[in-house]
Structure formats: structure tokens, C-alpha cells
Amino acid sequence: MKEHEEESIEVHESHHHIVSPVVYLTIVLCLLVATGLTVWASYIDLGEWHIAPGLTLFWNPVVALAIAATKMILVVLFFMHVKYSSKLTKLTIGAGLFTFFVLVGMTLSDYFSRAWGRW
């Protein structure tokens, strides 16, 4: 009877993925390189793109946000162990990101739909 209980306890234990220190050092090195790249890109004028009259896209913030998003993905996947987590954890993070993008989209739709300077 005791052997059966021990087997059932072992089956219900959660399995944790062991990440090697080499992976952590690689990710830290990537984060440091990306931080240096962000600082380097801040000193360079990457120009602008005139999309429409009165609507200009500056490339410096776009590059900085792309690097920041890449660093955020690395931190979430490896340091928060989402890469090795269950599907429910991944779904929760995906739902949070979806909600964030919906709120940003609603804010931008309000911002762009206003009659700026026409009142």
C-alpha cells in the first residue's frame, strides 16, 4: 500500500526544467549587447519618413522600441522561465499582451480620429 502511495506522489509532482548557467550567461551577454546597441543607436540620426502631409515617422524611437521589445522577450522567456512553462502560463501571458495591444489600439484610434486644428 505504501509503495502505491509513493508512486502516486511522484506522478503528481511538477517537473521543473533545469537551465544551464551557459544559457543564462548567453542571455545576459545578449542583453548587454542590446543595451550597448541602444546607446549606440541613440547617438545616430536615423532619419525620418514622411508618410503623409503632417505625419512623419522618426526612426530613432522605432529602433529603440524594437530593441527594447527584443530584450523584453528574452527576459520573459528565459529569466521568467516561460519558455519551459505550461501552456496555461503561455496563454495567460498571451492574453495580457492581447489586452495591452487592444488598449493601445483603442487609444491610437481615438488619437488619430480627432480633428486636430479644425475646430
C-alpha atoms as a PDB file:
ATOM      1  CA  MET A   1       0.000   0.000   0.000  1.00  0.00           C
ATOM      2  CA  LYS A   2       2.835   2.388   0.843  1.00  0.00           C
ATOM      3  CA  GLU A   3       4.570   1.764  -2.464  1.00  0.00           C
ATOM      4  CA  HIS A   4       1.420   2.711  -4.358  1.00  0.00           C
ATOM      5  CA  GLU A   5       1.140   5.996  -2.416  1.00  0.00           C
ATOM      6  CA  GLU A   6       4.776   6.888  -3.126  1.00  0.00           C
ATOM      7  CA  GLU A   7       4.298   6.228  -6.843  1.00  0.00           C
ATOM      8  CA  SER A   8       1.209   8.431  -6.987  1.00  0.00           C
ATOM      9  CA  ILE A   9       3.037  11.245  -5.203  1.00  0.00           C
ATOM     10  CA  GLU A  10       5.888  11.065  -7.719  1.00  0.00           C
ATOM     11  CA  VAL A  11       3.452  11.203 -10.637  1.00  0.00           C
ATOM     12  CA  HIS A  12       1.742  14.367  -9.344  1.00  0.00           C
ATOM     13  CA  GLU A  13       4.916  16.322  -8.676  1.00  0.00           C
ATOM     14  CA  SER A  14       5.561  19.123 -11.128  1.00  0.00           C
ATOM     15  CA  HIS A  15       8.555  18.744 -13.370  1.00  0.00           C
ATOM     16  CA  HIS A  16      10.929  21.709 -13.371  1.00  0.00           C
ATOM     17  CA  HIS A  17      13.243  22.331 -16.262  1.00  0.00           C
ATOM     18  CA  ILE A  18      16.864  22.850 -15.269  1.00  0.00           C
ATOM     19  CA  VAL A  19      18.508  25.626 -17.253  1.00  0.00           C
ATOM     20  CA  SER A  20      22.270  25.518 -17.545  1.00  0.00           C
ATOM     21  CA  PRO A  21      24.353  28.517 -16.485  1.00  0.00           C
ATOM     22  CA  VAL A  22      25.666  28.768 -20.047  1.00  0.00           C
ATOM     23  CA  VAL A  23      22.176  29.682 -21.248  1.00  0.00           C
ATOM     24  CA  TYR A  24      21.869  32.366 -18.568  1.00  0.00           C
ATOM     25  CA  LEU A  25      25.288  33.792 -19.425  1.00  0.00           C
ATOM     26  CA  THR A  26      24.402  33.832 -23.123  1.00  0.00           C
ATOM     27  CA  ILE A  27      21.161  35.684 -22.455  1.00  0.00           C
ATOM     28  CA  VAL A  28      22.914  38.180 -20.170  1.00  0.00           C
ATOM     29  CA  LEU A  29      25.511  38.772 -22.870  1.00  0.00           C
ATOM     30  CA  CYS A  30      22.749  39.303 -25.455  1.00  0.00           C
ATOM     31  CA  LEU A  31      21.030  41.782 -23.118  1.00  0.00           C
ATOM     32  CA  LEU A  32      24.281  43.687 -22.598  1.00  0.00           C
ATOM     33  CA  VAL A  33      24.951  43.821 -26.340  1.00  0.00           C
ATOM     34  CA  ALA A  34      21.401  45.027 -26.983  1.00  0.00           C
ATOM     35  CA  THR A  35      21.795  47.712 -24.316  1.00  0.00           C
ATOM     36  CA  GLY A  36      25.029  48.866 -25.949  1.00  0.00           C
ATOM     37  CA  LEU A  37      23.279  48.830 -29.330  1.00  0.00           C
ATOM     38  CA  THR A  38      20.505  51.006 -27.900  1.00  0.00           C
ATOM     39  CA  VAL A  39      23.020  53.529 -26.583  1.00  0.00           C
ATOM     40  CA  TRP A  40      24.932  53.483 -29.876  1.00  0.00           C
ATOM     41  CA  ALA A  41      21.728  53.978 -31.909  1.00  0.00           C
ATOM     42  CA  SER A  42      20.710  56.927 -29.736  1.00  0.00           C
ATOM     43  CA  TYR A  43      23.749  58.904 -30.947  1.00  0.00           C
ATOM     44  CA  ILE A  44      22.954  58.341 -34.628  1.00  0.00           C
ATOM     45  CA  ASP A  45      20.283  60.257 -36.530  1.00  0.00           C
ATOM     46  CA  LEU A  46      18.427  57.524 -38.382  1.00  0.00           C
ATOM     47  CA  GLY A  47      16.285  59.973 -40.295  1.00  0.00           C
ATOM     48  CA  GLU A  48      12.601  60.335 -40.775  1.00  0.00           C
ATOM     49  CA  TRP A  49       9.920  59.091 -43.097  1.00  0.00           C
ATOM     50  CA  HIS A  50       7.216  61.454 -44.318  1.00  0.00           C
ATOM     51  CA  ILE A  51       4.214  59.159 -44.531  1.00  0.00           C
ATOM     52  CA  ALA A  52       1.665  61.848 -45.383  1.00  0.00           C
ATOM     53  CA  PRO A  53       1.490  65.624 -45.109  1.00  0.00           C
ATOM     54  CA  GLY A  54       1.761  66.391 -41.417  1.00  0.00           C
ATOM     55  CA  LEU A  55       2.542  62.777 -40.488  1.00  0.00           C
ATOM     56  CA  THR A  56       6.224  61.967 -40.007  1.00  0.00           C
ATOM     57  CA  LEU A  57       7.775  58.802 -38.598  1.00  0.00           C
ATOM     58  CA  PHE A  58      11.115  59.208 -36.858  1.00  0.00           C
ATOM     59  CA  TRP A  59      13.225  56.046 -36.971  1.00  0.00           C
ATOM     60  CA  ASN A  60      15.158  56.512 -33.705  1.00  0.00           C
ATOM     61  CA  PRO A  61      12.213  55.678 -31.409  1.00  0.00           C
ATOM     62  CA  VAL A  62      11.195  52.785 -33.666  1.00  0.00           C
ATOM     63  CA  VAL A  63      14.659  51.200 -33.421  1.00  0.00           C
ATOM     64  CA  ALA A  64      14.849  51.825 -29.658  1.00  0.00           C
ATOM     65  CA  LEU A  65      11.429  50.218 -29.102  1.00  0.00           C
ATOM     66  CA  ALA A  66      12.336  47.237 -31.297  1.00  0.00           C
ATOM     67  CA  ILE A  67      15.493  46.619 -29.274  1.00  0.00           C
ATOM     68  CA  ALA A  68      13.563  47.049 -26.014  1.00  0.00           C
ATOM     69  CA  ALA A  69      10.891  44.591 -27.177  1.00  0.00           C
ATOM     70  CA  THR A  70      13.588  42.052 -28.063  1.00  0.00           C
ATOM     71  CA  LYS A  71      15.155  42.403 -24.631  1.00  0.00           C
ATOM     72  CA  MET A  72      11.736  42.065 -23.004  1.00  0.00           C
ATOM     73  CA  ILE A  73      11.081  38.840 -24.889  1.00  0.00           C
ATOM     74  CA  LEU A  74      14.429  37.394 -23.801  1.00  0.00           C
ATOM     75  CA  VAL A  75      13.779  38.262 -20.142  1.00  0.00           C
ATOM     76  CA  VAL A  76      10.257  36.837 -20.166  1.00  0.00           C
ATOM     77  CA  LEU A  77      11.205  33.628 -21.957  1.00  0.00           C
ATOM     78  CA  PHE A  78      14.365  32.728 -20.091  1.00  0.00           C
ATOM     79  CA  PHE A  79      14.575  34.543 -16.755  1.00  0.00           C
ATOM     80  CA  MET A  80      10.867  34.138 -16.012  1.00  0.00           C
ATOM     81  CA  HIS A  81      11.005  30.531 -17.351  1.00  0.00           C
ATOM     82  CA  VAL A  82       8.019  30.993 -19.654  1.00  0.00           C
ATOM     83  CA  LYS A  83       9.761  29.025 -22.394  1.00  0.00           C
ATOM     84  CA  TYR A  84       9.645  25.935 -20.210  1.00  0.00           C
ATOM     85  CA  SER A  85       6.251  26.612 -18.575  1.00  0.00           C
ATOM     86  CA  SER A  86       2.878  25.072 -19.170  1.00  0.00           C
ATOM     87  CA  LYS A  87       0.517  26.103 -21.921  1.00  0.00           C
ATOM     88  CA  LEU A  88      -1.702  27.822 -19.359  1.00  0.00           C
ATOM     89  CA  THR A  89       1.115  30.187 -18.394  1.00  0.00           C
ATOM     90  CA  LYS A  90       1.791  30.966 -22.041  1.00  0.00           C
ATOM     91  CA  LEU A  91      -1.909  31.560 -22.613  1.00  0.00           C
ATOM     92  CA  THR A  92      -2.035  33.951 -19.650  1.00  0.00           C
ATOM     93  CA  ILE A  93       0.888  35.972 -20.989  1.00  0.00           C
ATOM     94  CA  GLY A  94      -0.630  35.958 -24.471  1.00  0.00           C
ATOM     95  CA  ALA A  95      -3.937  37.214 -23.086  1.00  0.00           C
ATOM     96  CA  GLY A  96      -2.131  40.010 -21.250  1.00  0.00           C
ATOM     97  CA  LEU A  97      -0.304  41.047 -24.417  1.00  0.00           C
ATOM     98  CA  PHE A  98      -3.528  40.900 -26.426  1.00  0.00           C
ATOM     99  CA  THR A  99      -5.260  43.135 -23.875  1.00  0.00           C
ATOM    100  CA  PHE A 100      -2.338  45.566 -23.978  1.00  0.00           C
ATOM    101  CA  PHE A 101      -2.483  45.779 -27.790  1.00  0.00           C
ATOM    102  CA  VAL A 102      -6.261  46.276 -27.734  1.00  0.00           C
ATOM    103  CA  LEU A 103      -5.922  49.161 -25.261  1.00  0.00           C
ATOM    104  CA  VAL A 104      -3.113  50.758 -27.289  1.00  0.00           C
ATOM    105  CA  GLY A 105      -5.174  50.326 -30.467  1.00  0.00           C
ATOM    106  CA  MET A 106      -8.210  51.953 -28.877  1.00  0.00           C
ATOM    107  CA  THR A 107      -6.088  54.857 -27.653  1.00  0.00           C
ATOM    108  CA  LEU A 108      -4.488  55.362 -31.053  1.00  0.00           C
ATOM    109  CA  SER A 109      -7.840  55.155 -32.854  1.00  0.00           C
ATOM    110  CA  ASP A 110      -9.129  57.920 -30.578  1.00  0.00           C
ATOM    111  CA  TYR A 111      -5.979  59.981 -31.110  1.00  0.00           C
ATOM    112  CA  PHE A 112      -5.988  59.682 -34.917  1.00  0.00           C
ATOM    113  CA  SER A 113      -9.741  60.251 -35.285  1.00  0.00           C
ATOM    114  CA  ARG A 114      -9.710  63.684 -33.652  1.00  0.00           C
ATOM    115  CA  ALA A 115      -9.998  66.768 -35.815  1.00  0.00           C
ATOM    116  CA  TRP A 116      -6.728  68.379 -34.792  1.00  0.00           C
ATOM    117  CA  GLY A 117      -6.707  72.083 -35.701  1.00  0.00           C
ATOM    118  CA  ARG A 118     -10.152  72.019 -37.363  1.00  0.00           C
ATOM    119  CA  TRP A 119     -12.211  73.495 -34.558  1.00  0.00           C
END
